Amino acid sequence: MGTHTSEPSPLAVSPKALPQFVPDSACRRCDVCCRFPEADSFLRPYFTQQEIAEAEARGLSREYFPDQSGSQINLVKNPQGEGYVCPAFDVSSGRCTIYEARPLDCRLYPLALMWNEPHEEIVLGWDTKCPYLRDSVLTAITAYAEQIAGWLQKASWIEIIAANPRLVGPFQEDVVIVRSLPTLTTRLTQTPSALSSLHPLTPADASRFAQALESSGCLPPDALAAYAFPYHDVWTTLLPYRWMESDGTFFLFAQSPDGWFMPLPPLGPKPLAATVGEAFALMRQWNGSSAASRIENLMASQKWALRGRNLCWRRKEGDYLYHAEHLARLAGDRYKSQRALCNRVEREYRVIARPYRSDDQLGCLALLARWVEQKRAGFLDEVAALFLDDAMMAHRLVFAEHERIGLSGTVALQGSEVVAYTFGYWLTPQTWCVLIEVADRALPGLSQWLFRETCRAAVAQGATFINAMDDAGLPGLRAAKRHYHPLAVIENWIVTEGEA
């Protein structure tokens, strides 16, 4: 009797047996894969615990893996150009030095496993950044993706991904979705009870957030800008924000590619020392040993309240706080240069300021596109460029949702053209916070003029202080903010569990 051979069952297929859609010759000519513009790119390949062990056995240093139980790899500077590369990538030959042991995350590419835009369903798509796919027949790509999707719905694959949920990336606009993966979605959403009780942050939650802030008693005039609903809602375009309540305490979480963290400490009437412990217990449950577990935007008074606990503290960029009257008047020699620029605007540009209206949206979008090009035409380091891309999505949300999330806007018009805009909110009854500001860089002094007009309007409505937020670690922005002589740079801390 002769032997019978057949294709392996999809259930038995190992990740190492995945068919390679892109030919090796095309990969070696490619200048996209394994290269990244920033060191903390969310596109860095993720390695499971077993894959880390195999990579180390092939010579990769343990230092490249911050979490031995599973993590994205740490990148290294590109020795032949700008940006960063995977440490397993040999730039000179264009080859992967651990190719036979490369992780599932790499084997799947140019397919992408990710959440859909509402973060409700896991989907499989093909990445248009891959040059080979852009020139391939769509039917062939779709057939290949359907084959992989079938395997990803099998129990053995699902358990690998469920044990390493960060294999599922965030939504990417340039990935063409082929199909949803309902079985995988169901498995990954069978989460611990606390995680399943999280609610997406929406404009309807603004009043609940405000009540939690009030009950916490943590809104002095020098509060950080983060202690307001608009500050967080605008970034829901970038990260999934979720909240829950427990025994009268409001917990706000955000999900990064590395895991869950808290952009604010717990808010409520209970002592912070008690609720912080609960917060870290939840993040340990969800993140395991990931370094993502942290609480951001703690003020000095809260750091004091947590003294003596087994916590590790790290400084974050602080908010710039100013006397509102000083910025409204710009009097004296120390404001001489800003005053001169404002005078030039009034003398040469014939610009007027008025409140933002819904029909200003198209004009603001046009200005935003022009401003981004102006910024990119100048010198931008990698951090600034990344921040610029993130900010564009947030600005679009502000134009459409400003009233619902508690923002007030002002536009500057030159004739009928929008040449500048700004949006902000009342952080406290005494403090106006400037959230965003954009001014046409072809009109020198316009930014200073709009800032002065903003401060004048705030003073007229009772403001004592202006909070201009932090400088995001950008040297140029830091210099500009310090040039206005802040009253204080408000302390801002990040806290993690660990030895003090």
Protein backbone atom coordinates (compact mmCIF):
# COMPACT_ATOMS: atom_id res chain seq x y z
CA MET A 1 0.00 0.00 0.00
CA GLY A 2 1.44 3.32 -1.00
CA THR A 3 1.84 6.28 1.33
CA HIS A 4 -0.57 9.20 1.17
CA THR A 5 0.58 12.78 1.64
CA SER A 6 -1.57 15.86 2.06
CA GLU A 7 -1.36 19.48 3.07
CA PRO A 8 -1.08 19.94 6.86
CA SER A 9 -4.24 20.74 8.72
CA PRO A 10 -4.57 24.48 9.39
CA LEU A 11 -4.89 23.61 13.09
CA ALA A 12 -1.44 22.04 13.00
CA VAL A 13 0.27 24.78 11.00
CA SER A 14 3.13 26.38 12.93
CA PRO A 15 3.77 30.11 12.59
CA LYS A 16 7.09 29.13 10.99
CA ALA A 17 5.19 27.41 8.15
CA LEU A 18 3.44 30.58 7.01
CA PRO A 19 3.75 31.02 3.25
CA GLN A 20 5.75 34.08 2.19
CA PHE A 21 3.78 36.22 -0.24
CA VAL A 22 6.56 38.70 -1.06
CA PRO A 23 9.55 37.15 -2.87
CA ASP A 24 12.94 37.35 -1.22
CA SER A 25 14.34 39.32 -4.17
CA ALA A 26 11.68 42.03 -3.67
CA CYS A 27 12.34 42.18 0.06
CA ARG A 28 16.04 42.79 -0.47
CA ARG A 29 15.31 45.73 -2.78
CA CYS A 30 12.83 47.25 -0.33
CA ASP A 31 13.73 50.27 1.78
CA VAL A 32 10.62 50.15 4.01
CA CYS A 33 10.69 47.05 6.20
CA CYS A 34 12.81 46.84 9.34
CA ARG A 35 13.40 50.63 9.25
CA PHE A 36 11.57 53.13 11.44
CA PRO A 37 11.51 56.93 11.69
CA GLU A 38 11.35 57.03 15.50
CA ALA A 39 12.80 54.90 18.28
CA ASP A 40 9.45 54.10 19.89
CA SER A 41 7.50 53.36 16.70
CA PHE A 42 4.37 51.32 17.39
CA LEU A 43 5.28 49.30 14.26
CA ARG A 44 8.30 47.69 15.97
CA PRO A 45 7.98 43.88 15.78
CA TYR A 46 6.55 42.15 18.84
CA PHE A 47 8.28 39.00 20.16
CA THR A 48 6.57 36.39 22.33
CA GLN A 49 8.47 34.85 25.23
CA GLN A 50 9.47 31.85 23.11
CA GLU A 51 10.48 34.07 20.19
CA ILE A 52 12.68 36.17 22.49
CA ALA A 53 14.46 33.03 23.65
CA GLU A 54 15.01 31.91 20.03
CA ALA A 55 16.29 35.34 19.00
CA GLU A 56 18.72 35.42 21.92
CA ALA A 57 19.91 31.92 21.00
CA ARG A 58 20.79 33.32 17.57
CA GLY A 59 22.87 36.13 19.02
CA LEU A 60 20.51 39.05 19.76
CA SER A 61 21.31 40.67 23.08
CA ARG A 62 18.78 40.45 25.92
CA GLU A 63 18.98 44.26 26.23
CA TYR A 64 16.81 44.59 23.12
CA PHE A 65 13.83 43.06 24.92
CA PRO A 66 12.53 45.17 27.83
CA ASP A 67 10.11 42.45 28.96
CA GLN A 68 11.27 38.84 28.74
CA SER A 69 7.67 37.60 28.91
CA GLY A 70 6.91 39.31 25.59
CA SER A 71 7.64 42.76 24.20
CA GLN A 72 8.34 44.91 21.20
CA ILE A 73 12.01 44.97 20.34
CA ASN A 74 14.16 48.02 21.16
CA LEU A 75 15.44 49.67 18.00
CA VAL A 76 18.94 50.95 17.30
CA LYS A 77 20.22 53.93 15.34
CA ASN A 78 20.54 53.32 11.62
CA PRO A 79 24.33 53.12 11.02
CA GLN A 80 23.92 54.19 7.38
CA GLY A 81 21.37 56.95 7.56
CA GLU A 82 18.57 58.59 9.47
CA GLY A 83 16.09 56.92 11.77
CA TYR A 84 16.25 53.53 13.44
CA VAL A 85 16.42 49.87 12.47
CA CYS A 86 15.63 46.54 14.06
CA PRO A 87 18.84 45.23 15.69
CA ALA A 88 18.32 41.94 13.82
CA PHE A 89 18.51 43.77 10.48
CA ASP A 90 21.83 43.90 8.63
CA VAL A 91 21.68 47.24 6.79
CA SER A 92 24.61 46.47 4.49
CA SER A 93 23.12 43.24 3.10
CA GLY A 94 19.46 44.05 3.58
CA ARG A 95 18.92 40.71 5.33
CA CYS A 96 17.48 39.65 8.66
CA THR A 97 20.13 37.92 10.79
CA ILE A 98 17.50 35.79 12.55
CA TYR A 99 15.31 35.19 9.50
CA GLU A 100 14.55 31.54 10.27
CA ALA A 101 13.60 32.52 13.82
CA ARG A 102 11.83 35.78 13.01
CA PRO A 103 8.68 36.36 15.07
CA LEU A 104 5.08 35.79 14.01
CA ASP A 105 4.64 39.57 13.84
CA CYS A 106 7.23 39.69 11.02
CA ARG A 107 6.01 36.50 9.34
CA LEU A 108 2.52 37.96 8.96
CA TYR A 109 3.77 41.08 7.18
CA PRO A 110 2.76 42.60 4.74
CA LEU A 111 -0.53 41.63 6.32
CA ALA A 112 -1.46 43.57 9.44
CA LEU A 113 -3.45 42.27 12.38
CA MET A 114 -5.15 45.23 14.03
CA TRP A 115 -8.25 46.65 15.69
CA ASN A 116 -10.74 48.47 13.51
CA GLU A 117 -11.13 52.23 13.95
CA PRO A 118 -13.79 52.08 16.73
CA HIS A 119 -11.60 49.49 18.51
CA GLU A 120 -14.50 47.04 18.55
CA GLU A 121 -13.30 44.28 16.23
CA ILE A 122 -10.03 42.63 15.19
CA VAL A 123 -9.43 42.72 11.43
CA LEU A 124 -6.83 41.54 8.95
CA GLY A 125 -5.65 43.82 6.17
CA TRP A 126 -2.78 44.45 3.80
CA ASP A 127 -0.35 47.29 4.33
CA THR A 128 -0.15 49.74 1.43
CA LYS A 129 3.27 50.86 2.68
CA CYS A 130 4.69 47.64 1.17
CA PRO A 131 5.98 48.54 -2.34
CA TYR A 132 5.50 44.98 -3.62
CA LEU A 133 1.82 44.94 -2.66
CA ARG A 134 1.20 48.26 -4.38
CA ASP A 135 2.25 46.61 -7.68
CA SER A 136 0.54 43.26 -7.06
CA VAL A 137 -2.79 41.94 -8.34
CA LEU A 138 -5.53 42.67 -5.82
CA THR A 139 -7.15 39.27 -6.22
CA ALA A 140 -3.87 37.52 -5.35
CA ILE A 141 -3.41 39.67 -2.24
CA THR A 142 -6.99 39.01 -1.15
CA ALA A 143 -6.67 35.26 -1.68
CA TYR A 144 -3.46 35.16 0.37
CA ALA A 145 -5.05 37.21 3.16
CA GLU A 146 -8.09 34.91 3.21
CA GLN A 147 -5.80 31.90 3.61
CA ILE A 148 -4.00 33.49 6.56
CA ALA A 149 -7.29 34.66 8.06
CA GLY A 150 -8.52 31.07 8.08
CA TRP A 151 -5.49 29.96 10.07
CA LEU A 152 -5.75 32.88 12.49
CA GLN A 153 -9.28 31.75 13.40
CA LYS A 154 -8.05 28.33 14.56
CA ALA A 155 -7.68 27.49 18.24
CA SER A 156 -3.89 27.07 18.32
CA TRP A 157 -3.30 30.45 16.70
CA ILE A 158 -5.95 32.17 18.79
CA GLU A 159 -4.31 31.02 22.01
CA ILE A 160 -0.92 32.33 20.87
CA ILE A 161 -2.44 35.74 20.16
CA ALA A 162 -4.60 35.72 23.31
CA ALA A 163 -1.44 35.14 25.36
CA ASN A 164 0.21 38.04 23.51
CA PRO A 165 -2.59 40.54 22.81
CA ARG A 166 -0.10 43.21 21.72
CA LEU A 167 0.30 41.23 18.49
CA VAL A 168 -2.92 43.02 17.55
CA GLY A 169 -1.92 46.56 16.64
CA PRO A 170 -3.86 49.82 16.66
CA PHE A 171 -5.90 50.93 13.66
CA GLN A 172 -3.87 52.17 10.67
CA GLU A 173 -5.51 54.25 7.96
CA ASP A 174 -3.12 53.00 5.26
CA VAL A 175 -4.02 49.33 5.82
CA VAL A 176 -6.71 48.00 3.48
CA ILE A 177 -9.02 45.76 5.53
CA VAL A 178 -9.69 42.37 3.91
CA ARG A 179 -11.93 40.79 6.52
CA SER A 180 -12.88 40.74 10.18
CA LEU A 181 -11.82 37.96 12.56
CA PRO A 182 -14.86 37.37 14.79
CA THR A 183 -13.58 34.25 16.59
CA LEU A 184 -10.34 35.99 17.53
CA THR A 185 -12.26 39.12 18.55
CA THR A 186 -14.52 37.10 20.84
CA ARG A 187 -11.53 35.40 22.47
CA LEU A 188 -9.61 38.61 23.08
CA THR A 189 -12.63 40.44 24.43
CA GLN A 190 -13.24 37.71 27.00
CA THR A 191 -11.30 39.86 29.42
CA PRO A 192 -11.07 39.99 33.20
CA SER A 193 -14.23 41.43 34.70
CA ALA A 194 -12.74 44.84 35.50
CA LEU A 195 -11.45 45.32 31.95
CA SER A 196 -14.77 44.25 30.43
CA SER A 197 -16.51 46.93 32.49
CA LEU A 198 -14.53 49.78 30.92
CA HIS A 199 -16.50 52.35 28.93
CA PRO A 200 -15.20 54.30 25.90
CA LEU A 201 -14.63 57.98 26.70
CA THR A 202 -17.11 60.11 24.72
CA PRO A 203 -18.32 63.74 24.91
CA ALA A 204 -21.33 62.46 26.87
CA ASP A 205 -18.95 61.68 29.76
CA ALA A 206 -17.84 65.30 30.24
CA SER A 207 -20.21 65.97 33.15
CA ARG A 208 -19.26 62.72 34.90
CA PHE A 209 -15.59 63.63 34.53
CA ALA A 210 -16.25 67.13 35.96
CA GLN A 211 -18.07 65.69 38.98
CA ALA A 212 -15.19 63.33 39.69
CA LEU A 213 -12.73 66.23 39.49
CA GLU A 214 -14.80 68.29 41.90
CA SER A 215 -15.09 65.46 44.41
CA SER A 216 -11.33 64.89 44.28
CA GLY A 217 -10.57 68.45 45.40
CA CYS A 218 -7.48 68.63 43.15
CA LEU A 219 -8.16 71.81 41.18
CA PRO A 220 -6.01 74.62 42.56
CA PRO A 221 -5.37 77.63 40.26
CA ASP A 222 -2.02 76.06 39.35
CA ALA A 223 -3.54 72.72 38.33
CA LEU A 224 -2.05 70.89 35.37
CA ALA A 225 -3.88 71.27 32.06
CA ALA A 226 -4.58 67.53 32.09
CA TYR A 227 -7.23 68.03 34.82
CA ALA A 228 -9.94 68.84 32.29
CA PHE A 229 -12.09 66.74 29.99
CA PRO A 230 -11.10 68.39 26.65
CA TYR A 231 -7.43 67.65 27.25
CA HIS A 232 -8.12 63.91 27.04
CA ASP A 233 -11.02 63.78 24.63
CA VAL A 234 -9.02 65.34 21.78
CA TRP A 235 -6.48 62.52 22.00
CA THR A 236 -9.09 59.79 21.58
CA THR A 237 -8.16 60.13 17.90
CA LEU A 238 -4.79 58.62 18.77
CA LEU A 239 -5.36 56.25 21.70
CA PRO A 240 -8.38 54.32 22.97
CA TYR A 241 -9.51 56.00 26.21
CA ARG A 242 -11.65 54.01 28.66
CA TRP A 243 -13.10 54.77 32.09
CA MET A 244 -14.72 52.94 35.00
CA GLU A 245 -16.08 53.81 38.41
CA SER A 246 -15.37 51.85 41.57
CA ASP A 247 -16.77 52.79 44.97
CA GLY A 248 -17.24 56.42 43.95
CA THR A 249 -13.81 56.76 42.30
CA PHE A 250 -13.36 57.56 38.61
CA PHE A 251 -10.54 55.67 36.88
CA LEU A 252 -9.41 56.87 33.44
CA PHE A 253 -7.25 54.54 31.33
CA ALA A 254 -5.66 54.76 27.89
CA GLN A 255 -4.31 51.90 25.82
CA SER A 256 -0.93 52.28 24.15
CA PRO A 257 0.62 49.61 21.91
CA ASP A 258 2.58 48.45 24.99
CA GLY A 259 -0.41 48.18 27.33
CA TRP A 260 -2.78 50.11 29.59
CA PHE A 261 -1.78 53.20 31.56
CA MET A 262 -3.54 56.02 33.44
CA PRO A 263 -3.25 59.54 32.01
CA LEU A 264 -4.53 60.85 35.36
CA PRO A 265 -4.54 59.51 38.92
CA PRO A 266 -7.85 58.12 40.24
CA LEU A 267 -10.40 60.90 40.89
CA GLY A 268 -12.77 60.84 43.83
CA PRO A 269 -13.22 61.60 47.52
CA LYS A 270 -11.22 58.62 48.81
CA PRO A 271 -7.55 59.10 49.82
CA LEU A 272 -5.25 58.85 46.85
CA ALA A 273 -3.01 56.35 48.64
CA ALA A 274 -5.88 53.83 48.66
CA THR A 275 -7.06 54.28 45.08
CA VAL A 276 -3.57 54.31 43.52
CA GLY A 277 -3.02 50.82 44.89
CA GLU A 278 -6.26 49.67 43.26
CA ALA A 279 -5.23 51.30 39.97
CA PHE A 280 -1.87 49.50 39.84
CA ALA A 281 -3.54 46.19 40.74
CA LEU A 282 -5.82 46.58 37.71
CA MET A 283 -2.97 47.45 35.36
CA ARG A 284 -0.92 44.47 36.60
CA GLN A 285 -3.90 42.26 35.82
CA TRP A 286 -4.20 43.61 32.28
CA ASN A 287 -0.55 44.27 31.38
CA GLY A 288 1.29 41.55 33.24
CA SER A 289 4.90 42.62 33.71
CA SER A 290 4.80 45.22 30.93
CA ALA A 291 6.51 48.50 31.74
CA ALA A 292 3.46 50.29 30.33
CA SER A 293 1.73 50.31 33.75
CA ARG A 294 2.04 53.87 35.05
CA ILE A 295 0.07 56.91 36.20
CA GLU A 296 0.83 60.24 34.54
CA ASN A 297 0.19 63.89 35.40
CA LEU A 298 0.52 63.87 39.16
CA MET A 299 1.06 67.24 40.81
CA ALA A 300 3.40 68.05 43.67
CA SER A 301 0.61 67.85 46.26
CA GLN A 302 -0.33 64.37 45.09
CA LYS A 303 3.29 63.24 45.15
CA TRP A 304 3.41 64.43 48.74
CA ALA A 305 0.23 62.52 49.59
CA LEU A 306 1.85 59.31 48.33
CA ARG A 307 5.12 59.74 50.23
CA GLY A 308 6.47 56.63 51.89
CA ARG A 309 4.86 54.22 49.43
CA ASN A 310 6.87 51.84 47.29
CA LEU A 311 6.69 53.96 44.14
CA CYS A 312 9.15 55.22 41.57
CA TRP A 313 8.83 58.83 40.39
CA ARG A 314 9.94 60.40 37.13
CA ARG A 315 9.58 64.04 36.08
CA LYS A 316 7.51 64.91 33.04
CA GLU A 317 7.52 68.25 31.19
CA GLY A 318 5.63 70.78 33.33
CA ASP A 319 2.92 73.26 32.32
CA TYR A 320 3.77 76.94 31.90
CA LEU A 321 1.68 79.22 34.11
CA TYR A 322 1.54 83.01 33.54
CA HIS A 323 -0.07 86.09 35.05
CA ALA A 324 -2.94 86.74 32.64
CA GLU A 325 -2.74 90.51 33.06
CA HIS A 326 0.95 90.55 32.13
CA LEU A 327 0.29 88.74 28.85
CA ALA A 328 -2.73 90.87 28.05
CA ARG A 329 -0.74 94.11 28.45
CA LEU A 330 2.78 93.06 27.34
CA ALA A 331 4.13 96.08 29.19
CA GLY A 332 7.78 96.76 30.00
CA ASP A 333 11.12 95.93 28.44
CA ARG A 334 10.90 92.19 28.96
CA TYR A 335 7.96 92.02 26.54
CA LYS A 336 9.42 94.51 24.08
CA SER A 337 9.92 92.03 21.21
CA GLN A 338 6.43 90.52 21.53
CA ARG A 339 4.88 93.97 21.68
CA ALA A 340 6.73 95.05 18.53
CA LEU A 341 5.48 92.00 16.64
CA CYS A 342 1.89 92.66 17.71
CA ASN A 343 2.20 96.26 16.56
CA ARG A 344 3.47 95.07 13.19
CA VAL A 345 0.45 92.81 12.74
CA GLU A 346 -1.95 95.67 13.51
CA ARG A 347 -0.05 98.02 11.22
CA GLU A 348 0.48 95.77 8.20
CA TYR A 349 -1.94 92.85 8.08
CA ARG A 350 -5.39 94.25 8.86
CA VAL A 351 -6.33 91.13 10.80
CA ILE A 352 -9.42 90.84 12.99
CA ALA A 353 -10.29 88.24 15.63
CA ARG A 354 -13.72 86.81 16.34
CA PRO A 355 -15.22 83.67 17.92
CA TYR A 356 -14.98 80.44 15.94
CA ARG A 357 -18.15 79.42 14.06
CA SER A 358 -19.06 76.07 12.51
CA ASP A 359 -18.72 77.54 9.01
CA ASP A 360 -15.05 78.29 9.78
CA GLN A 361 -14.18 74.60 9.65
CA LEU A 362 -13.10 74.49 6.00
CA GLY A 363 -11.00 77.63 6.41
CA CYS A 364 -9.30 76.18 9.49
CA LEU A 365 -8.63 72.89 7.72
CA ALA A 366 -7.02 74.77 4.82
CA LEU A 367 -4.87 76.75 7.24
CA LEU A 368 -3.90 73.57 9.12
CA ALA A 369 -2.71 71.93 5.89
CA ARG A 370 -0.74 75.07 4.96
CA TRP A 371 0.76 75.35 8.45
CA VAL A 372 1.87 71.70 8.45
CA GLU A 373 3.67 72.20 5.14
CA GLN A 374 5.32 75.36 6.49
CA LYS A 375 6.51 73.48 9.56
CA ARG A 376 7.86 70.59 7.52
CA ALA A 377 9.68 72.96 5.20
CA GLY A 378 11.73 74.10 8.19
CA PHE A 379 13.88 71.98 10.50
CA LEU A 380 11.94 69.32 12.36
CA ASP A 381 13.56 66.61 14.43
CA GLU A 382 11.91 63.17 14.55
CA VAL A 383 10.02 63.88 17.77
CA ALA A 384 8.59 67.13 16.41
CA ALA A 385 7.53 65.45 13.16
CA LEU A 386 5.74 62.69 15.04
CA PHE A 387 4.01 65.22 17.28
CA LEU A 388 2.88 67.14 14.19
CA ASP A 389 1.20 64.06 12.68
CA ASP A 390 -0.61 63.32 15.95
CA ALA A 391 -1.74 66.92 16.35
CA MET A 392 -3.39 67.05 12.92
CA MET A 393 -5.94 64.40 13.91
CA ALA A 394 -6.66 66.14 17.20
CA HIS A 395 -7.25 69.50 15.50
CA ARG A 396 -9.78 67.97 13.10
CA LEU A 397 -11.73 66.57 16.04
CA VAL A 398 -11.67 69.99 17.75
CA PHE A 399 -13.18 71.72 14.70
CA ALA A 400 -16.07 69.28 14.63
CA GLU A 401 -16.68 68.67 18.35
CA HIS A 402 -15.49 71.79 20.20
CA GLU A 403 -18.83 72.71 21.75
CA ARG A 404 -19.64 69.18 22.90
CA ILE A 405 -16.31 68.79 24.70
CA GLY A 406 -16.22 72.23 26.33
CA LEU A 407 -13.85 74.19 24.10
CA SER A 408 -14.09 77.81 22.94
CA GLY A 409 -12.35 78.96 19.79
CA THR A 410 -11.16 82.18 18.17
CA VAL A 411 -10.20 82.71 14.54
CA ALA A 412 -8.13 85.48 13.01
CA LEU A 413 -9.29 86.65 9.58
CA GLN A 414 -7.45 88.54 6.90
CA GLY A 415 -10.32 89.54 4.68
CA SER A 416 -12.35 86.34 4.45
CA GLU A 417 -9.37 83.99 4.88
CA VAL A 418 -8.65 82.22 8.18
CA VAL A 419 -5.00 82.95 8.97
CA ALA A 420 -4.93 81.80 12.61
CA TYR A 421 -7.04 79.97 15.16
CA THR A 422 -6.88 78.99 18.81
CA PHE A 423 -9.00 76.87 21.15
CA GLY A 424 -8.96 76.65 24.93
CA TYR A 425 -10.99 75.97 28.06
CA TRP A 426 -11.51 77.11 31.62
CA LEU A 427 -9.29 74.86 33.70
CA THR A 428 -10.44 76.54 36.94
CA PRO A 429 -12.58 79.65 37.50
CA GLN A 430 -9.32 81.64 37.61
CA THR A 431 -7.28 79.85 34.93
CA TRP A 432 -7.73 79.84 31.17
CA CYS A 433 -5.88 77.04 29.37
CA VAL A 434 -4.69 77.39 25.78
CA LEU A 435 -5.07 73.96 24.18
CA ILE A 436 -4.11 74.58 20.54
CA GLU A 437 -2.94 77.52 18.49
CA VAL A 438 -2.08 77.69 14.77
CA ALA A 439 -1.02 80.80 12.86
CA ASP A 440 0.11 81.25 9.25
CA ARG A 441 3.90 81.34 9.47
CA ALA A 442 4.05 83.59 6.41
CA LEU A 443 2.76 86.44 8.60
CA PRO A 444 5.46 87.18 11.21
CA GLY A 445 4.05 88.17 14.57
CA LEU A 446 0.61 86.69 13.98
CA SER A 447 1.08 83.98 16.61
CA GLN A 448 2.12 86.55 19.23
CA TRP A 449 -0.79 88.81 18.31
CA LEU A 450 -3.34 86.00 18.59
CA PHE A 451 -1.91 84.89 21.94
CA ARG A 452 -2.19 88.44 23.28
CA GLU A 453 -5.80 88.70 22.04
CA THR A 454 -6.58 85.37 23.71
CA CYS A 455 -5.16 86.60 27.00
CA ARG A 456 -7.06 89.88 26.75
CA ALA A 457 -10.34 88.02 26.20
CA ALA A 458 -9.59 85.73 29.15
CA VAL A 459 -8.84 88.68 31.46
CA ALA A 460 -12.09 90.34 30.39
CA GLN A 461 -13.89 87.18 31.55
CA GLY A 462 -12.13 87.08 34.92
CA ALA A 463 -8.95 85.10 34.33
CA THR A 464 -6.06 85.61 36.73
CA PHE A 465 -3.79 83.00 35.19
CA ILE A 466 -3.02 81.54 31.77
CA ASN A 467 -1.90 77.92 31.46
CA ALA A 468 -0.08 77.39 28.15
CA MET A 469 0.48 73.65 28.73
CA ASP A 470 3.87 71.95 28.44
CA ASP A 471 6.55 72.14 25.76
CA ALA A 472 6.38 68.43 24.79
CA GLY A 473 10.16 68.27 25.18
CA LEU A 474 10.65 70.33 22.00
CA PRO A 475 13.53 72.85 22.37
CA GLY A 476 11.99 75.50 20.09
CA LEU A 477 8.65 75.39 21.90
CA ARG A 478 10.41 75.51 25.27
CA ALA A 479 12.31 78.65 24.27
CA ALA A 480 9.12 80.34 23.03
CA LYS A 481 7.23 79.61 26.24
CA ARG A 482 10.08 80.78 28.47
CA HIS A 483 10.33 83.98 26.43
CA TYR A 484 6.97 84.98 27.94
CA HIS A 485 8.41 84.83 31.49
CA PRO A 486 6.22 82.23 33.22
CA LEU A 487 5.15 82.70 36.79
CA ALA A 488 5.93 79.02 37.31
CA VAL A 489 6.53 75.75 35.50
CA ILE A 490 4.12 73.46 37.30
CA GLU A 491 5.63 70.20 38.52
CA ASN A 492 4.42 67.14 36.65
CA TRP A 493 5.23 63.56 37.65
CA ILE A 494 4.86 60.03 36.32
CA VAL A 495 4.67 57.26 38.89
CA THR A 496 5.27 53.52 38.55
CA GLU A 497 5.46 50.69 41.04
CA GLY A 498 8.91 49.71 42.21
CA GLU A 499 11.73 50.63 44.49
CA ALA A 500 11.88 54.34 45.29
